[in-house]
Amino acid sequence: MALPEPSRFRTDRPVALDDHARENLRFIRETMERAGSFTAVPGWGGIAMGITALGSAAIAFRQSRPDAWLLIWVVEAMVAIGIAVWTTISKARESGVPVFAGPGRRFAYSFAPPIFVGALLTVLLVRIGFTGATPGVWLLLYGTGVVTGGAFSIRLVPLMGLCFMVLGAVALFCPWSWGNAFLAAGFGGFHIIFGAIIARNYGG
């Protein structure tokens, strides 16, 4: 009676174990990536923010007084913050992602300081009469906040932040009369474009 070939057992079993191990490692890696990133960035909220920014740009363009122009954009900033908070919480609840714990909290902590600095610099620029520099400062610091906060989010978010930073840097060295157009392109155009991509590929 012929005995089974021992080489058969030596080749089949390690291959099956290797495949199983690779599948386990892939599952663990994907689970850790999902747990370590904040995926509740609102795509539809970004689109809404972009639309309101374009409307604000159209209204601000008609203003002849710098203080009236600035007031319109400050109000727009408050509206945008409200939209962002509401849509982020709504998306987080729908997807079961915690907003104020883990990656969501780190996202907020990283995003908030540049925005706070931007608010302080705005007050300073108004006091010294350099209101025309605010568009570049806003875009640059908002982009910085998106990049730092985006380190805990999907990869598209830091890319969006970099686009804001580049646009803000260009705005600082261009005529101040172009500031309204830069704000419309950044807070309007970028939010709509990247918001649409996020809404389509990352669940709204």
N, C-alpha and C. Protein backbone atom coordinates (compact mmCIF):
# COMPACT_ATOMS: atom_id res chain seq x y z
N MET A 1 0.84 -1.20 0.00
CA MET A 1 0.00 0.00 0.00
C MET A 1 0.88 1.26 0.00
N ALA A 2 0.62 2.15 -0.97
CA ALA A 2 1.48 3.33 -1.13
C ALA A 2 1.11 4.40 -0.12
N LEU A 3 2.12 4.98 0.50
CA LEU A 3 1.90 6.06 1.46
C LEU A 3 1.73 7.39 0.73
N PRO A 4 0.90 8.30 1.28
CA PRO A 4 0.75 9.62 0.63
C PRO A 4 2.05 10.40 0.64
N GLU A 5 2.24 11.15 -0.39
CA GLU A 5 3.48 11.90 -0.52
C GLU A 5 3.54 13.00 0.54
N PRO A 6 4.59 13.02 1.36
CA PRO A 6 4.69 14.05 2.42
C PRO A 6 4.79 15.46 1.88
N SER A 7 5.33 15.61 0.63
CA SER A 7 5.48 16.96 0.08
C SER A 7 4.15 17.64 -0.12
N ARG A 8 3.10 16.84 -0.31
CA ARG A 8 1.78 17.41 -0.52
C ARG A 8 1.32 18.22 0.68
N PHE A 9 1.56 17.65 1.89
CA PHE A 9 1.16 18.34 3.11
C PHE A 9 2.04 19.55 3.37
N ARG A 10 3.28 19.51 2.92
CA ARG A 10 4.19 20.63 3.18
C ARG A 10 3.88 21.84 2.30
N THR A 11 3.27 21.62 1.14
CA THR A 11 3.02 22.74 0.22
C THR A 11 1.64 23.34 0.38
N ASP A 12 0.59 22.47 0.58
CA ASP A 12 -0.77 23.00 0.61
C ASP A 12 -1.05 23.80 1.87
N ARG A 13 -0.67 23.31 3.03
CA ARG A 13 -1.04 23.96 4.28
C ARG A 13 -0.41 25.33 4.46
N PRO A 14 0.89 25.53 4.20
CA PRO A 14 1.46 26.88 4.36
C PRO A 14 0.82 27.90 3.44
N VAL A 15 0.44 27.51 2.21
CA VAL A 15 -0.20 28.46 1.31
C VAL A 15 -1.52 28.94 1.88
N ALA A 16 -2.33 27.98 2.41
CA ALA A 16 -3.61 28.36 2.99
C ALA A 16 -3.42 29.26 4.20
N LEU A 17 -2.45 28.98 5.03
CA LEU A 17 -2.18 29.80 6.19
C LEU A 17 -1.73 31.20 5.78
N ASP A 18 -0.89 31.29 4.74
CA ASP A 18 -0.43 32.59 4.27
C ASP A 18 -1.60 33.43 3.76
N ASP A 19 -2.49 32.81 3.00
CA ASP A 19 -3.66 33.56 2.50
C ASP A 19 -4.53 34.05 3.65
N HIS A 20 -4.74 33.18 4.61
CA HIS A 20 -5.57 33.55 5.76
C HIS A 20 -4.92 34.67 6.56
N ALA A 21 -3.62 34.60 6.73
CA ALA A 21 -2.91 35.64 7.48
C ALA A 21 -2.97 36.98 6.76
N ARG A 22 -2.83 36.94 5.44
CA ARG A 22 -2.90 38.19 4.68
C ARG A 22 -4.29 38.83 4.80
N GLU A 23 -5.32 38.00 4.74
CA GLU A 23 -6.67 38.52 4.88
C GLU A 23 -6.88 39.14 6.26
N ASN A 24 -6.36 38.49 7.28
CA ASN A 24 -6.49 39.03 8.63
C ASN A 24 -5.75 40.35 8.79
N LEU A 25 -4.55 40.42 8.23
CA LEU A 25 -3.77 41.66 8.31
C LEU A 25 -4.46 42.79 7.55
N ARG A 26 -5.04 42.48 6.40
CA ARG A 26 -5.75 43.51 5.63
C ARG A 26 -6.96 44.02 6.42
N PHE A 27 -7.69 43.10 7.05
CA PHE A 27 -8.85 43.49 7.84
C PHE A 27 -8.44 44.37 9.03
N ILE A 28 -7.37 43.97 9.70
CA ILE A 28 -6.89 44.75 10.85
C ILE A 28 -6.43 46.13 10.42
N ARG A 29 -5.69 46.22 9.31
CA ARG A 29 -5.20 47.50 8.83
C ARG A 29 -6.36 48.42 8.45
N GLU A 30 -7.36 47.91 7.73
CA GLU A 30 -8.50 48.72 7.33
C GLU A 30 -9.30 49.17 8.55
N THR A 31 -9.45 48.28 9.53
CA THR A 31 -10.18 48.65 10.75
C THR A 31 -9.46 49.75 11.51
N MET A 32 -8.13 49.66 11.61
CA MET A 32 -7.36 50.69 12.31
C MET A 32 -7.42 52.02 11.56
N GLU A 33 -7.41 51.99 10.23
CA GLU A 33 -7.49 53.22 9.47
C GLU A 33 -8.84 53.90 9.68
N ARG A 34 -9.92 53.10 9.69
CA ARG A 34 -11.23 53.68 9.92
C ARG A 34 -11.35 54.24 11.33
N ALA A 35 -10.78 53.53 12.30
CA ALA A 35 -10.86 53.99 13.69
C ALA A 35 -9.99 55.20 13.93
N GLY A 36 -8.92 55.38 13.15
CA GLY A 36 -7.99 56.49 13.38
C GLY A 36 -8.24 57.71 12.54
N SER A 37 -9.31 57.71 11.72
CA SER A 37 -9.58 58.86 10.88
C SER A 37 -11.00 59.34 11.10
N PHE A 38 -11.18 60.66 10.97
CA PHE A 38 -12.49 61.28 11.16
C PHE A 38 -13.15 61.39 9.80
N THR A 39 -14.13 60.53 9.55
CA THR A 39 -14.75 60.46 8.22
C THR A 39 -16.06 61.23 8.13
N ALA A 40 -16.44 61.94 9.20
CA ALA A 40 -17.71 62.66 9.20
C ALA A 40 -17.58 64.08 8.66
N VAL A 41 -16.62 64.31 7.77
CA VAL A 41 -16.49 65.61 7.13
C VAL A 41 -17.67 65.77 6.16
N PRO A 42 -18.47 66.84 6.28
CA PRO A 42 -19.71 66.93 5.51
C PRO A 42 -19.51 67.42 4.08
N GLY A 43 -19.77 66.56 3.12
CA GLY A 43 -19.68 66.97 1.73
C GLY A 43 -20.80 67.91 1.33
N TRP A 44 -22.04 67.52 1.66
CA TRP A 44 -23.17 68.40 1.34
C TRP A 44 -23.09 69.70 2.11
N GLY A 45 -22.57 69.65 3.33
CA GLY A 45 -22.36 70.87 4.09
C GLY A 45 -21.37 71.79 3.40
N GLY A 46 -20.31 71.21 2.84
CA GLY A 46 -19.34 72.01 2.10
C GLY A 46 -19.96 72.69 0.90
N ILE A 47 -20.84 71.96 0.20
CA ILE A 47 -21.53 72.55 -0.95
C ILE A 47 -22.41 73.72 -0.50
N ALA A 48 -23.13 73.52 0.60
CA ALA A 48 -23.99 74.59 1.12
C ALA A 48 -23.16 75.80 1.54
N MET A 49 -22.02 75.56 2.18
CA MET A 49 -21.14 76.66 2.55
C MET A 49 -20.63 77.40 1.33
N GLY A 50 -20.32 76.67 0.28
CA GLY A 50 -19.85 77.30 -0.95
C GLY A 50 -20.91 78.17 -1.60
N ILE A 51 -22.15 77.69 -1.60
CA ILE A 51 -23.23 78.46 -2.20
C ILE A 51 -23.47 79.75 -1.43
N THR A 52 -23.50 79.67 -0.09
CA THR A 52 -23.71 80.89 0.69
C THR A 52 -22.53 81.86 0.54
N ALA A 53 -21.32 81.31 0.37
CA ALA A 53 -20.15 82.18 0.16
C ALA A 53 -20.24 82.92 -1.17
N LEU A 54 -20.70 82.24 -2.21
CA LEU A 54 -20.86 82.90 -3.50
C LEU A 54 -21.93 83.99 -3.43
N GLY A 55 -23.01 83.72 -2.69
CA GLY A 55 -24.02 84.75 -2.50
C GLY A 55 -23.49 85.94 -1.73
N SER A 56 -22.70 85.67 -0.70
CA SER A 56 -22.10 86.76 0.08
C SER A 56 -21.13 87.57 -0.76
N ALA A 57 -20.37 86.88 -1.62
CA ALA A 57 -19.43 87.59 -2.50
C ALA A 57 -20.16 88.53 -3.44
N ALA A 58 -21.31 88.08 -3.95
CA ALA A 58 -22.09 88.94 -4.85
C ALA A 58 -22.62 90.17 -4.13
N ILE A 59 -23.08 89.99 -2.88
CA ILE A 59 -23.58 91.12 -2.10
C ILE A 59 -22.43 92.04 -1.70
N ALA A 60 -21.32 91.46 -1.25
CA ALA A 60 -20.19 92.28 -0.80
C ALA A 60 -19.58 93.08 -1.94
N PHE A 61 -19.66 92.57 -3.15
CA PHE A 61 -19.09 93.26 -4.31
C PHE A 61 -19.74 94.61 -4.55
N ARG A 62 -20.99 94.73 -4.14
CA ARG A 62 -21.74 95.97 -4.36
C ARG A 62 -21.50 97.02 -3.27
N GLN A 63 -20.76 96.67 -2.25
CA GLN A 63 -20.54 97.59 -1.13
C GLN A 63 -19.38 98.54 -1.44
N SER A 64 -19.58 99.79 -1.09
CA SER A 64 -18.53 100.79 -1.30
C SER A 64 -17.72 101.06 -0.04
N ARG A 65 -18.28 100.72 1.11
CA ARG A 65 -17.60 100.95 2.38
C ARG A 65 -16.91 99.68 2.86
N PRO A 66 -15.64 99.76 3.26
CA PRO A 66 -14.91 98.58 3.72
C PRO A 66 -15.55 97.90 4.92
N ASP A 67 -16.11 98.71 5.84
CA ASP A 67 -16.71 98.11 7.03
C ASP A 67 -17.96 97.31 6.68
N ALA A 68 -18.75 97.78 5.71
CA ALA A 68 -19.93 97.04 5.27
C ALA A 68 -19.52 95.75 4.56
N TRP A 69 -18.48 95.84 3.74
CA TRP A 69 -17.97 94.65 3.06
C TRP A 69 -17.50 93.61 4.07
N LEU A 70 -16.76 94.07 5.07
CA LEU A 70 -16.25 93.15 6.08
C LEU A 70 -17.38 92.52 6.89
N LEU A 71 -18.40 93.32 7.22
CA LEU A 71 -19.51 92.80 8.00
C LEU A 71 -20.23 91.67 7.27
N ILE A 72 -20.39 91.82 5.98
CA ILE A 72 -21.06 90.77 5.20
C ILE A 72 -20.27 89.47 5.28
N TRP A 73 -18.96 89.53 5.17
CA TRP A 73 -18.15 88.31 5.21
C TRP A 73 -18.07 87.73 6.62
N VAL A 74 -18.13 88.58 7.64
CA VAL A 74 -18.15 88.06 9.01
C VAL A 74 -19.46 87.30 9.26
N VAL A 75 -20.57 87.86 8.79
CA VAL A 75 -21.85 87.17 8.92
C VAL A 75 -21.81 85.85 8.15
N GLU A 76 -21.23 85.88 6.97
CA GLU A 76 -21.09 84.64 6.19
C GLU A 76 -20.27 83.60 6.94
N ALA A 77 -19.22 84.05 7.63
CA ALA A 77 -18.41 83.12 8.41
C ALA A 77 -19.23 82.46 9.51
N MET A 78 -20.09 83.24 10.17
CA MET A 78 -20.95 82.68 11.22
C MET A 78 -21.94 81.67 10.64
N VAL A 79 -22.51 82.01 9.48
CA VAL A 79 -23.44 81.09 8.82
C VAL A 79 -22.72 79.81 8.42
N ALA A 80 -21.52 79.94 7.88
CA ALA A 80 -20.76 78.76 7.45
C ALA A 80 -20.41 77.87 8.64
N ILE A 81 -20.05 78.47 9.77
CA ILE A 81 -19.75 77.68 10.96
C ILE A 81 -20.99 76.89 11.40
N GLY A 82 -22.15 77.56 11.38
CA GLY A 82 -23.38 76.89 11.75
C GLY A 82 -23.69 75.72 10.83
N ILE A 83 -23.51 75.92 9.52
CA ILE A 83 -23.74 74.84 8.56
C ILE A 83 -22.78 73.69 8.80
N ALA A 84 -21.51 74.02 9.02
CA ALA A 84 -20.49 72.98 9.21
C ALA A 84 -20.77 72.15 10.45
N VAL A 85 -21.12 72.81 11.56
CA VAL A 85 -21.38 72.08 12.80
C VAL A 85 -22.60 71.18 12.65
N TRP A 86 -23.68 71.72 12.11
CA TRP A 86 -24.93 70.96 11.98
C TRP A 86 -24.76 69.77 11.06
N THR A 87 -24.15 69.98 9.89
CA THR A 87 -24.01 68.88 8.94
C THR A 87 -22.99 67.84 9.41
N THR A 88 -21.96 68.27 10.13
CA THR A 88 -20.99 67.32 10.66
C THR A 88 -21.63 66.41 11.70
N ILE A 89 -22.39 67.01 12.62
CA ILE A 89 -23.06 66.20 13.65
C ILE A 89 -24.07 65.26 13.01
N SER A 90 -24.82 65.74 12.02
CA SER A 90 -25.82 64.91 11.36
C SER A 90 -25.17 63.73 10.65
N LYS A 91 -24.08 63.99 9.92
CA LYS A 91 -23.41 62.91 9.21
C LYS A 91 -22.78 61.92 10.18
N ALA A 92 -22.23 62.42 11.28
CA ALA A 92 -21.62 61.54 12.26
C ALA A 92 -22.66 60.61 12.88
N ARG A 93 -23.83 61.14 13.17
CA ARG A 93 -24.88 60.31 13.76
C ARG A 93 -25.34 59.24 12.78
N GLU A 94 -25.49 59.61 11.52
CA GLU A 94 -25.94 58.64 10.52
C GLU A 94 -24.92 57.52 10.30
N SER A 95 -23.64 57.87 10.35
CA SER A 95 -22.61 56.88 10.09
C SER A 95 -22.09 56.20 11.35
N GLY A 96 -22.55 56.65 12.52
CA GLY A 96 -22.10 56.05 13.77
C GLY A 96 -20.69 56.43 14.16
N VAL A 97 -20.20 57.57 13.66
CA VAL A 97 -18.85 58.04 13.98
C VAL A 97 -18.93 59.05 15.12
N PRO A 98 -18.17 58.87 16.21
CA PRO A 98 -18.21 59.85 17.30
C PRO A 98 -17.60 61.17 16.89
N VAL A 99 -18.29 62.27 17.23
CA VAL A 99 -17.82 63.60 16.85
C VAL A 99 -16.84 64.16 17.87
N PHE A 100 -17.15 63.99 19.14
CA PHE A 100 -16.37 64.62 20.19
C PHE A 100 -15.49 63.63 20.94
N ALA A 101 -15.07 62.58 20.27
CA ALA A 101 -14.17 61.60 20.87
C ALA A 101 -13.22 61.08 19.80
N GLY A 102 -12.03 60.68 20.23
CA GLY A 102 -11.07 60.08 19.31
C GLY A 102 -10.65 61.02 18.20
N PRO A 103 -10.70 60.56 16.93
CA PRO A 103 -10.25 61.38 15.80
C PRO A 103 -11.04 62.67 15.64
N GLY A 104 -12.35 62.64 15.95
CA GLY A 104 -13.14 63.86 15.83
C GLY A 104 -12.66 64.96 16.76
N ARG A 105 -12.32 64.59 17.97
CA ARG A 105 -11.82 65.58 18.93
C ARG A 105 -10.45 66.11 18.49
N ARG A 106 -9.59 65.22 18.00
CA ARG A 106 -8.27 65.67 17.52
C ARG A 106 -8.42 66.58 16.31
N PHE A 107 -9.39 66.28 15.45
CA PHE A 107 -9.66 67.14 14.30
C PHE A 107 -10.02 68.54 14.76
N ALA A 108 -10.94 68.62 15.74
CA ALA A 108 -11.39 69.92 16.24
C ALA A 108 -10.26 70.69 16.91
N TYR A 109 -9.46 70.00 17.73
CA TYR A 109 -8.35 70.66 18.42
C TYR A 109 -7.31 71.19 17.44
N SER A 110 -7.09 70.49 16.35
CA SER A 110 -6.10 70.93 15.37
C SER A 110 -6.64 72.04 14.47
N PHE A 111 -7.93 72.03 14.24
CA PHE A 111 -8.54 73.01 13.35
C PHE A 111 -8.77 74.36 14.04
N ALA A 112 -9.09 74.32 15.33
CA ALA A 112 -9.51 75.53 16.04
C ALA A 112 -8.42 76.59 16.19
N PRO A 113 -7.16 76.25 16.55
CA PRO A 113 -6.17 77.32 16.79
C PRO A 113 -5.94 78.25 15.60
N PRO A 114 -5.76 77.76 14.36
CA PRO A 114 -5.57 78.70 13.25
C PRO A 114 -6.79 79.61 13.04
N ILE A 115 -7.99 79.08 13.29
CA ILE A 115 -9.19 79.91 13.13
C ILE A 115 -9.22 81.00 14.20
N PHE A 116 -8.83 80.65 15.41
CA PHE A 116 -8.78 81.64 16.49
C PHE A 116 -7.76 82.72 16.17
N VAL A 117 -6.60 82.33 15.66
CA VAL A 117 -5.57 83.30 15.28
C VAL A 117 -6.08 84.20 14.16
N GLY A 118 -6.81 83.62 13.22
CA GLY A 118 -7.38 84.42 12.13
C GLY A 118 -8.34 85.48 12.65
N ALA A 119 -9.14 85.12 13.65
CA ALA A 119 -10.07 86.09 14.23
C ALA A 119 -9.32 87.24 14.91
N LEU A 120 -8.26 86.91 15.65
CA LEU A 120 -7.48 87.96 16.32
C LEU A 120 -6.78 88.87 15.30
N LEU A 121 -6.23 88.27 14.26
CA LEU A 121 -5.57 89.08 13.23
C LEU A 121 -6.56 89.97 12.49
N THR A 122 -7.78 89.50 12.34
CA THR A 122 -8.80 90.33 11.69
C THR A 122 -9.07 91.59 12.50
N VAL A 123 -9.19 91.43 13.81
CA VAL A 123 -9.39 92.59 14.68
C VAL A 123 -8.21 93.56 14.56
N LEU A 124 -7.00 93.01 14.54
CA LEU A 124 -5.81 93.85 14.43
C LEU A 124 -5.77 94.59 13.09
N LEU A 125 -6.07 93.89 11.99
CA LEU A 125 -6.04 94.50 10.67
C LEU A 125 -7.07 95.61 10.55
N VAL A 126 -8.23 95.42 11.16
CA VAL A 126 -9.25 96.46 11.14
C VAL A 126 -8.79 97.68 11.93
N ARG A 127 -8.16 97.45 13.06
CA ARG A 127 -7.71 98.56 13.91
C ARG A 127 -6.65 99.41 13.22
N ILE A 128 -5.76 98.76 12.47
CA ILE A 128 -4.68 99.52 11.83
C ILE A 128 -5.04 99.94 10.40
N GLY A 129 -6.26 99.61 9.97
CA GLY A 129 -6.73 100.06 8.67
C GLY A 129 -6.27 99.23 7.49
N PHE A 130 -5.87 97.99 7.71
CA PHE A 130 -5.44 97.11 6.62
C PHE A 130 -6.50 96.05 6.31
N THR A 131 -7.74 96.48 6.18
CA THR A 131 -8.84 95.55 5.93
C THR A 131 -8.63 94.77 4.64
N GLY A 132 -7.96 95.39 3.68
CA GLY A 132 -7.75 94.72 2.40
C GLY A 132 -6.91 93.47 2.48
N ALA A 133 -6.17 93.32 3.58
CA ALA A 133 -5.32 92.12 3.73
C ALA A 133 -6.09 90.93 4.29
N THR A 134 -7.32 91.15 4.75
CA THR A 134 -8.06 90.07 5.40
C THR A 134 -8.34 88.87 4.49
N PRO A 135 -8.66 89.03 3.20
CA PRO A 135 -8.92 87.84 2.39
C PRO A 135 -7.75 86.87 2.36
N GLY A 136 -6.54 87.38 2.15
CA GLY A 136 -5.38 86.50 2.13
C GLY A 136 -5.14 85.83 3.46
N VAL A 137 -5.30 86.60 4.56
CA VAL A 137 -5.11 86.04 5.90
C VAL A 137 -6.14 84.96 6.19
N TRP A 138 -7.40 85.24 5.86
CA TRP A 138 -8.46 84.26 6.11
C TRP A 138 -8.22 82.97 5.34
N LEU A 139 -7.95 83.09 4.06
CA LEU A 139 -7.74 81.90 3.24
C LEU A 139 -6.53 81.09 3.71
N LEU A 140 -5.47 81.81 4.05
CA LEU A 140 -4.24 81.13 4.46
C LEU A 140 -4.44 80.39 5.78
N LEU A 141 -5.04 81.04 6.77
CA LEU A 141 -5.21 80.41 8.07
C LEU A 141 -6.32 79.36 8.06
N TYR A 142 -7.36 79.58 7.28
CA TYR A 142 -8.39 78.55 7.15
C TYR A 142 -7.79 77.30 6.51
N GLY A 143 -6.99 77.50 5.47
CA GLY A 143 -6.32 76.37 4.85
C GLY A 143 -5.39 75.65 5.81
N THR A 144 -4.69 76.42 6.65
CA THR A 144 -3.82 75.82 7.65
C THR A 144 -4.62 74.94 8.61
N GLY A 145 -5.77 75.45 9.06
CA GLY A 145 -6.61 74.67 9.95
C GLY A 145 -7.13 73.41 9.30
N VAL A 146 -7.49 73.49 8.03
CA VAL A 146 -7.98 72.31 7.31
C VAL A 146 -6.86 71.28 7.14
N VAL A 147 -5.64 71.75 6.87
CA VAL A 147 -4.52 70.82 6.72
C VAL A 147 -4.21 70.12 8.04
N THR A 148 -4.11 70.88 9.12
CA THR A 148 -3.77 70.27 10.41
C THR A 148 -4.89 69.38 10.91
N GLY A 149 -6.13 69.84 10.80
CA GLY A 149 -7.25 69.00 11.20
C GLY A 149 -7.42 67.82 10.27
N GLY A 150 -7.11 68.02 9.00
CA GLY A 150 -7.26 66.96 8.01
C GLY A 150 -6.29 65.81 8.19
N ALA A 151 -5.28 65.99 9.02
CA ALA A 151 -4.37 64.89 9.32
C ALA A 151 -5.11 63.75 10.00
N PHE A 152 -6.26 64.02 10.60
CA PHE A 152 -7.07 63.01 11.28
C PHE A 152 -8.33 62.68 10.49
N SER A 153 -8.35 63.06 9.22
CA SER A 153 -9.52 62.83 8.40
C SER A 153 -9.11 62.11 7.12
N ILE A 154 -10.01 62.06 6.15
CA ILE A 154 -9.72 61.43 4.87
C ILE A 154 -8.66 62.25 4.13
N ARG A 155 -7.96 61.62 3.20
CA ARG A 155 -6.80 62.26 2.56
C ARG A 155 -7.19 63.48 1.74
N LEU A 156 -8.42 63.53 1.28
CA LEU A 156 -8.84 64.65 0.44
C LEU A 156 -8.87 65.97 1.22
N VAL A 157 -9.12 65.90 2.51
CA VAL A 157 -9.26 67.12 3.32
C VAL A 157 -7.96 67.92 3.39
N PRO A 158 -6.80 67.30 3.71
CA PRO A 158 -5.56 68.10 3.68
C PRO A 158 -5.26 68.70 2.31
N LEU A 159 -5.62 67.98 1.24
CA LEU A 159 -5.42 68.53 -0.10
C LEU A 159 -6.24 69.79 -0.30
N MET A 160 -7.48 69.77 0.18
CA MET A 160 -8.30 70.97 0.11
C MET A 160 -7.66 72.11 0.89
N GLY A 161 -7.13 71.80 2.07
CA GLY A 161 -6.47 72.83 2.87
C GLY A 161 -5.28 73.44 2.15
N LEU A 162 -4.51 72.61 1.48
CA LEU A 162 -3.36 73.13 0.72
C LEU A 162 -3.81 74.07 -0.38
N CYS A 163 -4.92 73.76 -1.04
CA CYS A 163 -5.43 74.65 -2.08
C CYS A 163 -5.81 76.01 -1.49
N PHE A 164 -6.43 76.00 -0.31
CA PHE A 164 -6.76 77.27 0.35
C PHE A 164 -5.50 78.04 0.71
N MET A 165 -4.48 77.34 1.18
CA MET A 165 -3.24 78.01 1.57
C MET A 165 -2.56 78.66 0.37
N VAL A 166 -2.51 77.96 -0.74
CA VAL A 166 -1.90 78.51 -1.95
C VAL A 166 -2.67 79.75 -2.41
N LEU A 167 -4.01 79.63 -2.43
CA LEU A 167 -4.82 80.77 -2.86
C LEU A 167 -4.63 81.96 -1.92
N GLY A 168 -4.55 81.69 -0.61
CA GLY A 168 -4.35 82.77 0.34
C GLY A 168 -3.00 83.44 0.18
N ALA A 169 -1.96 82.64 -0.08
CA ALA A 169 -0.63 83.21 -0.28
C ALA A 169 -0.60 84.10 -1.52
N VAL A 170 -1.27 83.68 -2.57
CA VAL A 170 -1.34 84.50 -3.78
C VAL A 170 -2.11 85.79 -3.51
N ALA A 171 -3.21 85.68 -2.74
CA ALA A 171 -4.03 86.86 -2.45
C ALA A 171 -3.26 87.92 -1.67
N LEU A 172 -2.34 87.49 -0.81
CA LEU A 172 -1.57 88.46 -0.02
C LEU A 172 -0.69 89.35 -0.88
N PHE A 173 -0.30 88.86 -2.06
CA PHE A 173 0.62 89.62 -2.90
C PHE A 173 -0.06 90.17 -4.16
N CYS A 174 -1.38 90.15 -4.16
CA CYS A 174 -2.13 90.71 -5.27
C CYS A 174 -2.83 91.99 -4.81
N PRO A 175 -3.32 92.80 -5.74
CA PRO A 175 -4.04 94.02 -5.35
C PRO A 175 -5.21 93.69 -4.42
N TRP A 176 -5.39 94.52 -3.42
CA TRP A 176 -6.43 94.25 -2.43
C TRP A 176 -7.83 94.29 -3.05
N SER A 177 -7.96 95.00 -4.16
CA SER A 177 -9.28 95.06 -4.81
C SER A 177 -9.73 93.71 -5.34
N TRP A 178 -8.81 92.76 -5.44
CA TRP A 178 -9.15 91.41 -5.91
C TRP A 178 -9.61 90.50 -4.76
N GLY A 179 -9.59 91.02 -3.54
CA GLY A 179 -9.86 90.18 -2.38
C GLY A 179 -11.21 89.47 -2.42
N ASN A 180 -12.24 90.18 -2.87
CA ASN A 180 -13.57 89.58 -2.92
C ASN A 180 -13.60 88.39 -3.87
N ALA A 181 -12.89 88.51 -4.99
CA ALA A 181 -12.84 87.40 -5.95
C ALA A 181 -12.09 86.21 -5.37
N PHE A 182 -11.02 86.47 -4.62
CA PHE A 182 -10.29 85.37 -3.99
C PHE A 182 -11.16 84.65 -2.96
N LEU A 183 -11.93 85.40 -2.18
CA LEU A 183 -12.80 84.78 -1.20
C LEU A 183 -13.88 83.95 -1.88
N ALA A 184 -14.42 84.46 -2.98
CA ALA A 184 -15.43 83.70 -3.72
C ALA A 184 -14.84 82.41 -4.29
N ALA A 185 -13.62 82.51 -4.81
CA ALA A 185 -12.99 81.32 -5.38
C ALA A 185 -12.68 80.28 -4.31
N GLY A 186 -12.21 80.75 -3.14
CA GLY A 186 -11.84 79.81 -2.09
C GLY A 186 -13.04 79.27 -1.33
N PHE A 187 -13.71 80.15 -0.59
CA PHE A 187 -14.82 79.70 0.25
C PHE A 187 -16.04 79.29 -0.58
N GLY A 188 -16.13 79.81 -1.79
CA GLY A 188 -17.22 79.39 -2.67
C GLY A 188 -16.83 78.21 -3.55
N GLY A 189 -15.87 78.43 -4.43
CA GLY A 189 -15.51 77.40 -5.41
C GLY A 189 -14.90 76.14 -4.81
N PHE A 190 -13.91 76.29 -3.95
CA PHE A 190 -13.25 75.12 -3.36
C PHE A 190 -14.22 74.30 -2.51
N HIS A 191 -15.06 74.98 -1.74
CA HIS A 191 -16.01 74.24 -0.91
C HIS A 191 -16.99 73.43 -1.77
N ILE A 192 -17.44 74.01 -2.86
CA ILE A 192 -18.38 73.29 -3.72
C ILE A 192 -17.69 72.11 -4.40
N ILE A 193 -16.49 72.32 -4.93
CA ILE A 193 -15.78 71.26 -5.66
C ILE A 193 -15.43 70.09 -4.72
N PHE A 194 -14.75 70.42 -3.64
CA PHE A 194 -14.33 69.34 -2.72
C PHE A 194 -15.53 68.76 -1.98
N GLY A 195 -16.54 69.59 -1.69
CA GLY A 195 -17.74 69.06 -1.05
C GLY A 195 -18.45 68.05 -1.93
N ALA A 196 -18.50 68.32 -3.23
CA ALA A 196 -19.14 67.38 -4.15
C ALA A 196 -18.38 66.05 -4.20
N ILE A 197 -17.05 66.13 -4.19
CA ILE A 197 -16.24 64.91 -4.22
C ILE A 197 -16.45 64.09 -2.94
N ILE A 198 -16.47 64.78 -1.80
CA ILE A 198 -16.67 64.08 -0.52
C ILE A 198 -18.07 63.47 -0.46
N ALA A 199 -19.08 64.24 -0.90
CA ALA A 199 -20.46 63.74 -0.86
C ALA A 199 -20.61 62.50 -1.75
N ARG A 200 -19.92 62.49 -2.86
CA ARG A 200 -20.05 61.37 -3.79
C ARG A 200 -19.30 60.13 -3.33
N ASN A 201 -18.10 60.33 -2.77
CA ASN A 201 -17.24 59.19 -2.47
C ASN A 201 -17.19 58.78 -0.99
N TYR A 202 -17.67 59.66 -0.10
CA TYR A 202 -17.54 59.38 1.33
C TYR A 202 -18.85 59.50 2.09
N GLY A 203 -19.94 59.22 1.44
CA GLY A 203 -21.21 59.11 2.13
C GLY A 203 -21.87 60.40 2.54
N GLY A 204 -21.89 61.39 1.67
CA GLY A 204 -22.63 62.61 1.95
C GLY A 204 -21.89 63.67 2.71
